[in-house]
N, C-alpha and C. Protein backbone atom coordinates (compact mmCIF):
# COMPACT_ATOMS: atom_id res chain seq x y z
N MET A 1 177.54 3.44 117.58
CA MET A 1 177.79 4.92 118.28
C MET A 1 176.87 5.41 119.46
N ALA A 2 177.48 5.99 120.33
CA ALA A 2 177.09 6.30 121.67
C ALA A 2 176.36 7.78 121.34
N PHE A 3 175.26 7.72 122.14
CA PHE A 3 174.71 9.33 121.97
C PHE A 3 174.56 9.89 123.44
N HIS A 4 174.78 10.86 123.84
CA HIS A 4 174.77 11.64 125.18
C HIS A 4 173.89 12.67 125.52
N PHE A 5 172.62 12.48 124.76
CA PHE A 5 171.48 13.38 125.40
C PHE A 5 171.02 12.97 126.61
N PHE A 6 170.75 12.16 127.06
CA PHE A 6 170.25 11.83 128.42
C PHE A 6 171.13 11.96 129.48
N ALA A 7 172.34 11.61 129.04
CA ALA A 7 173.52 11.74 129.92
C ALA A 7 173.65 13.12 130.29
N TYR A 8 173.64 13.98 129.35
CA TYR A 8 173.81 15.42 129.39
C TYR A 8 172.51 16.05 130.40
N LEU A 9 171.51 15.61 130.00
CA LEU A 9 170.14 16.20 130.52
C LEU A 9 170.14 15.73 132.19
N SER A 10 170.69 14.68 132.56
CA SER A 10 170.88 14.09 133.86
C SER A 10 171.89 15.17 134.69
N ARG A 11 172.79 15.85 133.98
CA ARG A 11 173.19 16.97 134.91
C ARG A 11 172.49 18.37 135.02
N MET A 12 171.29 18.49 134.80
CA MET A 12 170.24 19.40 135.15
C MET A 12 170.26 19.49 136.71
N LYS A 13 170.60 18.49 137.38
CA LYS A 13 170.53 18.49 138.88
C LYS A 13 171.80 19.14 139.41
N PHE A 14 172.69 19.65 138.60
CA PHE A 14 173.95 20.59 138.94
C PHE A 14 173.83 21.90 138.59
N ILE A 15 172.59 22.09 137.72
CA ILE A 15 172.49 23.55 137.66
C ILE A 15 171.61 24.23 138.50
N GLN A 16 171.95 25.03 139.55
CA GLN A 16 171.36 25.68 140.79
C GLN A 16 170.62 26.88 140.28
N ARG A 17 169.40 27.15 140.59
CA ARG A 17 168.51 28.20 140.44
C ARG A 17 168.56 28.98 141.44
N TRP A 18 168.03 30.45 141.14
CA TRP A 18 168.16 31.57 141.96
C TRP A 18 169.44 32.12 142.55
N GLY A 19 170.40 32.02 141.62
CA GLY A 19 171.74 32.24 141.83
C GLY A 19 172.15 33.41 142.60
N LEU A 20 171.41 34.58 142.31
CA LEU A 20 171.72 35.94 143.13
C LEU A 20 171.10 36.03 144.37
N MET A 21 170.32 34.98 144.68
CA MET A 21 169.34 35.11 145.90
C MET A 21 169.89 34.25 147.24
N ARG A 22 170.11 34.41 148.33
CA ARG A 22 170.14 33.40 149.33
C ARG A 22 169.03 32.78 149.64
N ASN A 23 169.33 31.44 149.43
CA ASN A 23 168.33 30.30 149.55
C ASN A 23 168.53 29.64 150.99
N THR A 24 167.65 29.21 151.83
CA THR A 24 167.55 28.37 152.76
C THR A 24 167.43 26.69 152.14
N LEU A 25 166.67 26.77 150.96
CA LEU A 25 166.79 25.24 150.65
C LEU A 25 167.07 25.60 148.80
N PRO A 26 168.27 25.13 148.72
CA PRO A 26 168.64 25.25 147.21
C PRO A 26 167.81 24.52 146.23
N GLU A 27 167.65 24.88 144.90
CA GLU A 27 166.76 24.15 144.20
C GLU A 27 167.54 24.15 142.87
N ASN A 28 167.41 22.83 142.17
CA ASN A 28 168.33 22.85 140.74
C ASN A 28 167.23 22.79 139.97
N ASP A 29 167.78 22.52 138.65
CA ASP A 29 166.83 22.47 137.34
C ASP A 29 166.05 21.24 137.49
N MET A 30 166.69 20.19 137.66
CA MET A 30 166.08 18.93 137.60
C MET A 30 164.63 18.64 138.25
N GLU A 31 164.91 19.36 139.91
CA GLU A 31 163.85 19.39 140.57
C GLU A 31 162.62 20.47 140.30
N HIS A 32 163.14 21.60 139.69
CA HIS A 32 162.29 22.58 139.16
C HIS A 32 161.48 21.92 137.92
N ALA A 33 162.17 21.08 136.99
CA ALA A 33 161.52 20.65 135.89
C ALA A 33 160.36 19.59 136.29
N MET A 34 160.67 18.88 137.33
CA MET A 34 159.49 17.86 137.54
C MET A 34 158.30 18.62 138.30
N GLN A 35 158.70 19.67 139.19
CA GLN A 35 157.58 20.30 140.02
C GLN A 35 156.87 21.13 138.86
N CYS A 36 157.41 21.74 137.80
CA CYS A 36 156.74 22.39 136.74
C CYS A 36 155.71 21.48 135.94
N ALA A 37 156.37 20.27 135.59
CA ALA A 37 155.69 19.47 134.74
C ALA A 37 154.29 18.91 135.44
N MET A 38 154.33 18.65 136.82
CA MET A 38 153.25 18.43 137.75
C MET A 38 152.16 19.44 137.65
N ILE A 39 152.73 20.77 137.83
CA ILE A 39 151.88 21.63 137.85
C ILE A 39 151.19 22.06 136.64
N ALA A 40 152.07 22.06 135.47
CA ALA A 40 151.48 22.17 134.22
C ALA A 40 150.21 21.34 133.84
N HIS A 41 150.79 19.87 133.95
CA HIS A 41 149.77 18.87 133.79
C HIS A 41 148.20 19.21 134.51
N ALA A 42 148.52 19.60 135.75
CA ALA A 42 147.34 20.00 136.34
C ALA A 42 146.61 21.02 135.79
N ILE A 43 147.21 22.10 135.55
CA ILE A 43 146.46 23.11 134.82
C ILE A 43 145.82 22.86 133.70
N ALA A 44 146.32 21.82 132.92
CA ALA A 44 145.77 21.70 131.69
C ALA A 44 144.43 20.57 131.88
N VAL A 45 144.57 19.83 133.03
CA VAL A 45 143.56 18.78 133.25
C VAL A 45 142.30 19.69 133.95
N ILE A 46 142.55 20.90 134.65
CA ILE A 46 141.91 21.86 135.02
C ILE A 46 140.89 22.53 134.01
N GLY A 47 141.81 22.84 133.04
CA GLY A 47 141.39 23.47 131.74
C GLY A 47 140.27 22.79 131.19
N ASN A 48 140.39 21.33 131.01
CA ASN A 48 139.57 20.38 130.30
C ASN A 48 138.50 20.07 130.99
N GLU A 49 138.62 19.92 132.33
CA GLU A 49 137.37 19.40 133.11
C GLU A 49 136.43 20.44 133.32
N ARG A 50 137.12 21.86 133.65
CA ARG A 50 136.22 22.80 134.13
C ARG A 50 135.87 24.17 133.14
N HIS A 51 136.72 24.15 132.15
CA HIS A 51 136.55 25.38 131.37
C HIS A 51 136.50 24.84 129.66
N ASN A 52 136.21 23.81 129.63
CA ASN A 52 135.94 23.45 128.05
C ASN A 52 136.95 23.46 127.26
N LYS A 53 138.18 23.33 127.72
CA LYS A 53 139.52 23.44 126.84
C LYS A 53 140.04 21.99 126.18
N ARG A 54 140.64 21.94 125.41
CA ARG A 54 141.20 20.83 124.74
C ARG A 54 142.76 20.57 124.67
N TYR A 55 143.12 20.89 125.84
CA TYR A 55 144.59 20.70 125.93
C TYR A 55 144.84 19.06 125.86
N HIS A 56 146.22 18.86 125.64
CA HIS A 56 146.65 17.43 125.72
C HIS A 56 147.73 17.50 127.04
N PRO A 57 146.99 17.18 128.33
CA PRO A 57 147.79 17.17 129.42
C PRO A 57 149.06 16.56 129.52
N GLU A 58 149.40 15.46 128.70
CA GLU A 58 150.48 14.59 128.80
C GLU A 58 151.40 15.38 127.97
N HIS A 59 151.18 15.92 126.87
CA HIS A 59 152.24 16.75 125.96
C HIS A 59 152.55 17.81 126.97
N ILE A 60 151.64 18.66 127.42
CA ILE A 60 152.16 19.69 128.10
C ILE A 60 152.98 19.28 129.31
N MET A 61 152.71 18.08 129.87
CA MET A 61 153.64 17.75 131.10
C MET A 61 154.88 17.54 130.57
N ALA A 62 155.24 16.90 129.28
CA ALA A 62 156.51 16.58 128.82
C ALA A 62 157.32 17.99 128.23
N LEU A 63 156.37 18.84 127.72
CA LEU A 63 156.71 20.18 127.48
C LEU A 63 157.45 20.80 128.74
N ALA A 64 156.86 20.77 129.71
CA ALA A 64 157.37 21.52 131.10
C ALA A 64 158.46 20.68 131.27
N LEU A 65 158.51 19.51 131.31
CA LEU A 65 159.85 18.81 131.79
C LEU A 65 160.93 18.99 130.99
N TYR A 66 160.77 19.62 129.79
CA TYR A 66 162.13 19.89 129.06
C TYR A 66 162.37 21.39 128.87
N HIS A 67 161.22 22.38 129.65
CA HIS A 67 161.48 23.68 129.05
C HIS A 67 162.71 24.41 129.49
N ASP A 68 163.47 23.78 130.50
CA ASP A 68 164.85 24.45 130.80
C ASP A 68 165.86 23.49 130.36
N ALA A 69 165.70 22.79 129.53
CA ALA A 69 166.68 21.79 129.13
C ALA A 69 167.99 22.36 128.81
N SER A 70 167.90 23.58 127.89
CA SER A 70 168.84 24.15 127.27
C SER A 70 169.96 24.66 128.34
N GLU A 71 169.39 25.02 129.52
CA GLU A 71 170.40 25.36 130.73
C GLU A 71 171.48 24.21 131.24
N VAL A 72 171.45 23.38 130.71
CA VAL A 72 172.35 22.32 131.03
C VAL A 72 173.66 22.87 130.38
N ILE A 73 173.39 23.32 129.32
CA ILE A 73 174.65 24.13 128.57
C ILE A 73 174.91 25.49 128.89
N THR A 74 173.75 26.45 129.01
CA THR A 74 173.86 27.66 129.18
C THR A 74 174.27 28.13 130.59
N GLY A 75 173.64 27.16 131.56
CA GLY A 75 173.44 27.60 133.17
C GLY A 75 172.29 28.38 133.18
N ASP A 76 171.69 28.74 134.36
CA ASP A 76 170.62 29.53 134.67
C ASP A 76 171.08 30.94 134.78
N LEU A 77 170.59 31.72 133.79
CA LEU A 77 170.89 33.06 133.98
C LEU A 77 169.91 33.65 134.81
N PRO A 78 170.36 34.60 135.82
CA PRO A 78 169.26 35.06 136.93
C PRO A 78 168.60 36.02 136.01
N THR A 79 167.20 35.79 136.54
CA THR A 79 166.03 36.87 135.78
C THR A 79 166.45 38.33 135.93
N PRO A 80 166.80 38.83 136.85
CA PRO A 80 167.24 40.35 136.63
C PRO A 80 168.24 40.60 135.67
N ILE A 81 168.96 39.65 135.11
CA ILE A 81 169.82 40.13 134.25
C ILE A 81 169.35 39.61 132.97
N LYS A 82 168.46 38.53 132.90
CA LYS A 82 167.99 38.05 131.82
C LYS A 82 166.84 38.92 131.15
N HIS A 83 166.09 39.56 132.12
CA HIS A 83 164.90 40.04 131.51
C HIS A 83 165.00 41.83 131.58
N ASN A 84 166.06 42.33 132.29
CA ASN A 84 166.04 43.84 132.63
C ASN A 84 166.82 44.58 131.40
N ASN A 85 167.16 43.84 130.51
CA ASN A 85 167.99 44.27 129.33
C ASN A 85 167.71 43.84 127.95
N ALA A 86 167.14 44.42 127.00
CA ALA A 86 166.59 43.97 125.86
C ALA A 86 167.83 43.47 125.20
N ALA A 87 168.89 44.00 125.01
CA ALA A 87 170.09 43.40 124.31
C ALA A 87 170.59 41.99 125.05
N ILE A 88 170.59 41.94 126.25
CA ILE A 88 171.35 40.83 126.94
C ILE A 88 170.27 39.71 126.54
N LYS A 89 168.74 40.14 126.73
CA LYS A 89 167.81 39.16 126.68
C LYS A 89 167.81 38.44 125.17
N ALA A 90 167.99 39.39 124.14
CA ALA A 90 168.17 38.98 122.65
C ALA A 90 169.20 38.00 122.59
N GLU A 91 170.62 38.38 122.91
CA GLU A 91 171.84 37.44 122.99
C GLU A 91 171.40 36.26 123.67
N TYR A 92 170.91 36.25 124.94
CA TYR A 92 170.72 35.10 125.43
C TYR A 92 169.69 34.17 124.78
N ASN A 93 168.72 34.55 124.26
CA ASN A 93 167.76 33.89 123.26
C ASN A 93 168.56 33.12 122.12
N LYS A 94 169.34 33.82 121.66
CA LYS A 94 170.07 33.06 120.34
C LYS A 94 171.22 32.09 121.01
N ILE A 95 171.74 32.20 122.24
CA ILE A 95 172.58 31.13 122.90
C ILE A 95 171.52 30.17 122.99
N THR A 96 170.64 30.20 123.81
CA THR A 96 169.46 29.29 124.15
C THR A 96 169.05 28.43 122.93
N ASP A 97 169.13 28.98 121.62
CA ASP A 97 168.82 28.18 120.46
C ASP A 97 169.86 27.35 120.11
N ILE A 98 170.92 28.06 120.16
CA ILE A 98 172.35 27.31 119.86
C ILE A 98 172.37 26.20 120.75
N ALA A 99 171.95 26.32 121.85
CA ALA A 99 172.15 25.09 123.19
C ALA A 99 171.11 24.08 122.78
N ALA A 100 170.08 24.43 122.52
CA ALA A 100 168.89 23.74 122.13
C ALA A 100 169.32 22.72 120.90
N GLN A 101 169.90 23.28 119.89
CA GLN A 101 170.44 22.48 118.37
C GLN A 101 171.56 21.65 118.92
N ARG A 102 172.34 22.01 119.98
CA ARG A 102 173.42 20.97 120.53
C ARG A 102 172.87 19.99 121.06
N LEU A 103 171.86 20.38 122.01
CA LEU A 103 171.30 19.27 122.70
C LEU A 103 170.60 18.04 121.57
N LEU A 104 169.78 18.63 120.60
CA LEU A 104 169.21 17.77 119.68
C LEU A 104 170.12 17.02 118.68
N GLY A 105 171.52 17.60 118.49
CA GLY A 105 172.51 16.89 117.78
C GLY A 105 172.95 15.83 118.61
N MET A 106 172.65 15.63 119.98
CA MET A 106 173.23 14.58 120.70
C MET A 106 172.00 13.34 120.80
N LEU A 107 171.08 13.32 119.66
CA LEU A 107 170.01 12.33 119.44
C LEU A 107 170.40 11.74 118.16
N PRO A 108 170.07 10.38 118.12
CA PRO A 108 170.26 9.48 116.85
C PRO A 108 169.16 10.33 115.82
N GLU A 109 169.40 10.48 114.51
CA GLU A 109 168.53 11.28 113.75
C GLU A 109 167.12 10.63 113.78
N ASP A 110 166.84 9.52 113.65
CA ASP A 110 165.66 8.96 113.56
C ASP A 110 164.74 9.25 115.16
N LEU A 111 164.99 9.80 116.08
CA LEU A 111 164.55 10.13 117.15
C LEU A 111 164.44 11.67 117.29
N ARG A 112 165.04 12.18 116.91
CA ARG A 112 165.39 13.88 116.74
C ARG A 112 164.01 14.57 116.58
N GLU A 113 163.29 14.17 115.77
CA GLU A 113 161.83 14.71 115.28
C GLU A 113 161.03 14.99 116.33
N HIS A 114 161.11 13.87 117.36
CA HIS A 114 160.26 13.60 118.45
C HIS A 114 160.54 14.49 119.52
N TYR A 115 161.84 15.19 119.58
CA TYR A 115 162.54 15.95 120.72
C TYR A 115 162.47 17.59 120.30
N VAL A 116 162.36 17.56 119.09
CA VAL A 116 162.36 19.21 118.66
C VAL A 116 161.23 20.01 119.17
N PRO A 117 159.85 19.43 119.32
CA PRO A 117 159.06 20.18 119.85
C PRO A 117 159.21 20.61 121.48
N LEU A 118 159.89 19.69 122.09
CA LEU A 118 160.25 19.77 123.47
C LEU A 118 161.40 20.58 123.73
N ILE A 119 162.34 20.45 122.96
CA ILE A 119 163.74 21.24 123.24
C ILE A 119 163.53 22.91 122.58
N SER A 120 162.98 22.68 121.41
CA SER A 120 162.67 24.06 120.49
C SER A 120 161.14 24.26 120.39
N PRO A 121 160.68 24.57 121.35
CA PRO A 121 158.85 24.58 121.48
C PRO A 121 158.45 25.88 120.83
N ASP A 122 157.37 25.51 120.02
CA ASP A 122 156.62 26.65 119.49
C ASP A 122 156.08 27.54 120.88
N GLU A 123 156.68 28.81 120.90
CA GLU A 123 156.31 29.53 122.34
C GLU A 123 155.32 30.44 122.09
N THR A 124 154.22 30.32 120.63
CA THR A 124 153.10 30.88 120.64
C THR A 124 151.88 30.30 120.75
N THR A 125 151.95 28.73 121.13
CA THR A 125 150.92 27.90 121.55
C THR A 125 150.38 27.85 122.96
N ALA A 126 149.11 27.42 122.79
CA ALA A 126 148.44 27.55 124.26
C ALA A 126 149.14 26.49 125.14
N SER A 127 149.71 25.68 124.76
CA SER A 127 150.38 24.53 125.55
C SER A 127 151.64 25.25 126.16
N TRP A 128 152.26 26.28 125.51
CA TRP A 128 153.40 26.72 125.99
C TRP A 128 153.02 27.98 126.98
N ARG A 129 152.03 28.41 126.90
CA ARG A 129 151.35 29.39 127.73
C ARG A 129 151.05 28.91 128.88
N ILE A 130 150.58 27.47 129.22
CA ILE A 130 150.21 26.67 130.28
C ILE A 130 151.73 26.36 131.09
N VAL A 131 152.67 26.10 130.25
CA VAL A 131 153.86 25.74 130.76
C VAL A 131 154.47 26.99 131.50
N LYS A 132 154.49 28.15 130.71
CA LYS A 132 155.10 29.33 131.20
C LYS A 132 154.25 30.05 132.75
N ALA A 133 153.11 29.66 132.56
CA ALA A 133 152.23 29.79 133.84
C ALA A 133 152.59 29.04 134.95
N ALA A 134 152.55 27.65 134.77
CA ALA A 134 153.25 26.51 135.72
C ALA A 134 154.84 27.17 136.28
N ASP A 135 155.44 27.73 135.36
CA ASP A 135 156.88 28.29 135.56
C ASP A 135 156.80 29.31 136.50
N ARG A 136 155.93 30.24 136.42
CA ARG A 136 155.58 31.28 137.11
C ARG A 136 154.79 30.95 138.64
N ILE A 137 154.20 29.77 138.63
CA ILE A 137 153.53 29.45 139.93
C ILE A 137 154.87 28.83 140.68
N CYS A 138 155.66 27.97 140.03
CA CYS A 138 156.83 27.27 140.73
C CYS A 138 157.79 28.42 141.23
N ALA A 139 157.96 29.51 140.75
CA ALA A 139 158.77 30.56 141.43
C ALA A 139 157.84 31.00 142.36
N TYR A 140 156.62 31.25 142.48
CA TYR A 140 155.96 31.62 143.47
C TYR A 140 155.98 30.94 144.54
N VAL A 141 155.72 29.49 144.44
CA VAL A 141 156.07 28.38 145.24
C VAL A 141 157.26 28.70 146.31
N LYS A 142 158.25 28.51 145.18
CA LYS A 142 159.87 29.00 146.04
C LYS A 142 159.67 30.11 146.76
N CYS A 143 159.01 31.23 146.51
CA CYS A 143 158.90 32.43 147.53
C CYS A 143 158.40 32.06 148.78
N LEU A 144 157.12 31.45 148.59
CA LEU A 144 156.39 31.09 149.91
C LEU A 144 157.15 30.05 150.50
N GLU A 145 157.82 29.19 150.13
CA GLU A 145 158.85 28.04 150.92
C GLU A 145 159.91 28.94 151.51
N GLU A 146 160.60 29.94 150.93
CA GLU A 146 161.49 30.51 151.49
C GLU A 146 161.15 31.45 152.70
N SER A 147 160.06 32.01 152.45
CA SER A 147 159.28 32.90 153.44
C SER A 147 158.94 32.07 154.65
N LYS A 148 158.27 30.67 154.52
CA LYS A 148 157.91 29.87 155.71
C LYS A 148 159.20 29.53 156.38
N ALA A 149 160.47 29.48 155.73
CA ALA A 149 161.68 29.28 156.50
C ALA A 149 162.09 30.51 157.02
N GLY A 150 161.47 31.80 156.99
CA GLY A 150 161.97 32.72 157.48
C GLY A 150 162.93 33.61 156.92
N ASN A 151 163.14 33.40 155.62
CA ASN A 151 164.14 34.13 154.48
C ASN A 151 163.09 35.29 154.07
N ARG A 152 163.42 36.43 154.34
CA ARG A 152 162.97 37.67 153.78
C ARG A 152 163.57 38.01 152.36
N GLU A 153 164.53 37.23 152.01
CA GLU A 153 165.32 37.68 150.57
C GLU A 153 164.12 37.62 149.62
N PHE A 154 163.08 36.79 149.41
CA PHE A 154 162.23 36.55 148.52
C PHE A 154 161.00 37.58 148.61
N ALA A 155 160.86 38.19 149.41
CA ALA A 155 159.70 38.94 149.77
C ALA A 155 159.22 39.84 148.54
N GLU A 156 160.21 40.55 148.04
CA GLU A 156 159.85 41.52 147.01
C GLU A 156 159.66 40.83 145.56
N ALA A 157 160.34 39.63 145.68
CA ALA A 157 160.09 38.57 144.36
C ALA A 157 158.80 38.00 144.37
N GLN A 158 158.47 37.73 145.52
CA GLN A 158 157.05 37.02 145.80
C GLN A 158 155.94 37.81 145.44
N ALA A 159 155.87 39.43 145.70
CA ALA A 159 154.98 40.22 145.59
C ALA A 159 154.71 40.29 143.87
N GLY A 160 155.96 40.31 143.31
CA GLY A 160 155.86 40.88 141.69
C GLY A 160 155.61 39.47 140.99
N ILE A 161 156.04 38.38 141.35
CA ILE A 161 155.58 37.08 140.96
C ILE A 161 153.95 36.90 140.84
N LEU A 162 153.55 37.13 142.08
CA LEU A 162 152.09 36.93 142.26
C LEU A 162 151.25 37.88 141.30
N SER A 163 151.63 39.18 141.31
CA SER A 163 150.97 39.87 140.36
C SER A 163 151.25 39.45 138.78
N SER A 164 152.31 38.90 138.56
CA SER A 164 152.35 38.30 137.20
C SER A 164 151.51 37.15 136.96
N ILE A 165 151.34 36.37 137.99
CA ILE A 165 150.22 35.01 138.00
C ILE A 165 149.02 35.54 137.67
N ASN A 166 148.69 36.77 138.77
CA ASN A 166 147.19 37.34 138.59
C ASN A 166 146.91 37.78 137.37
N ALA A 167 147.98 38.48 136.64
CA ALA A 167 147.61 38.89 135.14
C ALA A 167 147.37 37.89 134.12
N ILE A 168 147.67 36.53 134.38
CA ILE A 168 147.17 35.64 133.24
C ILE A 168 145.87 35.21 133.34
N GLU A 169 145.40 35.66 132.12
CA GLU A 169 143.84 35.44 132.14
C GLU A 169 143.34 34.21 131.54
N LEU A 170 143.68 33.10 132.44
CA LEU A 170 143.43 31.87 132.10
C LEU A 170 142.63 31.34 133.35
N PRO A 171 141.44 30.99 133.50
CA PRO A 171 140.62 30.53 134.68
C PRO A 171 141.30 29.34 135.39
N GLU A 172 141.82 28.32 134.56
CA GLU A 172 142.41 27.33 135.08
C GLU A 172 143.67 27.61 136.02
N VAL A 173 144.29 28.53 135.58
CA VAL A 173 145.49 28.95 136.38
C VAL A 173 144.94 29.74 137.73
N LYS A 174 143.94 30.42 137.73
CA LYS A 174 143.32 30.97 138.82
C LYS A 174 142.78 29.91 139.62
N ASP A 175 142.28 28.85 139.02
CA ASP A 175 141.72 27.77 139.92
C ASP A 175 142.95 27.07 140.72
N PHE A 176 144.25 26.88 139.86
CA PHE A 176 145.07 26.12 140.42
C PHE A 176 145.75 26.88 141.75
N LEU A 177 145.98 28.29 141.63
CA LEU A 177 146.26 29.10 142.34
C LEU A 177 145.51 29.03 143.88
N ALA A 178 144.10 29.20 143.63
CA ALA A 178 143.19 29.18 144.67
C ALA A 178 143.50 28.03 145.71
N GLU A 179 143.33 26.93 144.55
CA GLU A 179 142.98 25.61 145.33
C GLU A 179 144.32 24.79 145.72
N PHE A 180 145.46 24.94 145.10
CA PHE A 180 146.69 24.34 145.53
C PHE A 180 147.72 24.85 145.98
N VAL A 181 147.88 25.98 145.79
CA VAL A 181 149.01 26.78 145.96
C VAL A 181 149.23 27.37 147.65
N PRO A 182 147.86 27.28 148.15
CA PRO A 182 148.27 28.02 149.83
C PRO A 182 148.70 26.80 150.68
N GLY A 183 148.53 25.69 150.43
CA GLY A 183 149.38 24.55 151.11
C GLY A 183 150.75 24.62 151.20
N PHE A 184 151.37 25.30 150.04
CA PHE A 184 152.85 25.41 150.08
C PHE A 184 153.34 26.38 151.25
N ALA A 185 152.34 27.08 151.70
CA ALA A 185 152.87 28.15 152.98
C ALA A 185 152.65 27.60 154.17
N MET A 186 151.96 26.08 154.29
CA MET A 186 151.74 25.72 155.36
C MET A 186 152.62 24.60 156.17
N THR A 187 152.71 24.34 157.19
CA THR A 187 153.53 23.22 157.79
C THR A 187 153.18 21.86 157.36
N LEU A 188 153.97 20.76 157.65
CA LEU A 188 153.38 19.44 157.26
C LEU A 188 152.12 19.14 158.20
N ASP A 189 152.19 19.33 159.76
CA ASP A 189 151.19 19.25 160.37
C ASP A 189 149.91 19.80 159.84
N GLN A 190 150.07 21.11 159.40
CA GLN A 190 148.72 21.46 158.72
C GLN A 190 148.26 21.12 157.53
N ILE A 191 149.17 20.78 156.88
CA ILE A 191 148.40 20.14 155.46
C ILE A 191 148.03 18.43 155.69
N SER A 192 148.61 18.04 156.86
CA SER A 192 148.21 16.54 156.97
C SER A 192 146.83 16.29 157.86
N ARG A 193 146.30 17.47 158.32
CA ARG A 193 145.10 17.40 158.85
C ARG A 193 143.74 17.22 158.14
C-alpha cells in the first residue's frame, strides 16, 4: 500500500503566504517552515544555555517544521481574516483539525503516533510557545526584508508584529530578537563585514 503523507507535504512549496499583501519576494509555507524551525531551535538553545530552561531543542525544531502542515490542505488564510472575527477563527480551527486528521491518515498506522504531536500539537506547552514566538519573529523578519526592498506595504504590520513580540515574556525570545534579528535589515555587504 502506498502512503502519500510526504508527497502531500512537499506541496507546501505551492502554498503562498501573505496573500493580501503586495510582496517583492514571495514566500511559501515550505520556506517559512524551515526558517521557523531554525529560529525556534535557536530560541530553545538560548533558553537552555542562558536562562536555565529545560527545553528539547530538536523536538521544538521538529514542531516548528510541521506547525503549518495542515495548510497544505486548507491553504493559508490571511491573518486579518483568520484573527479579526471570532466565528471565522473558530470555524477555521475546526477545518485545521480536520486537515490534520486527514494528513495523519496518510501515514501507516505504526508511524502515526510519532507524528500526532507534530501535526496536532498540544498548544498549551512551553514548546509550542517557543514555536509561536519563532513564527512571530519570522513574520517580523518578512516585514524587515520587504521594507529593505522599498516595499511600504508591510510597515503597519511590522509595528504591530514587533509589539506582539515585545509582549512575549521570555528572555530567550528577547535575546534572539536583540542579537540576531537586526541583521535581516542589513545588506549582504553589511553582514559580511
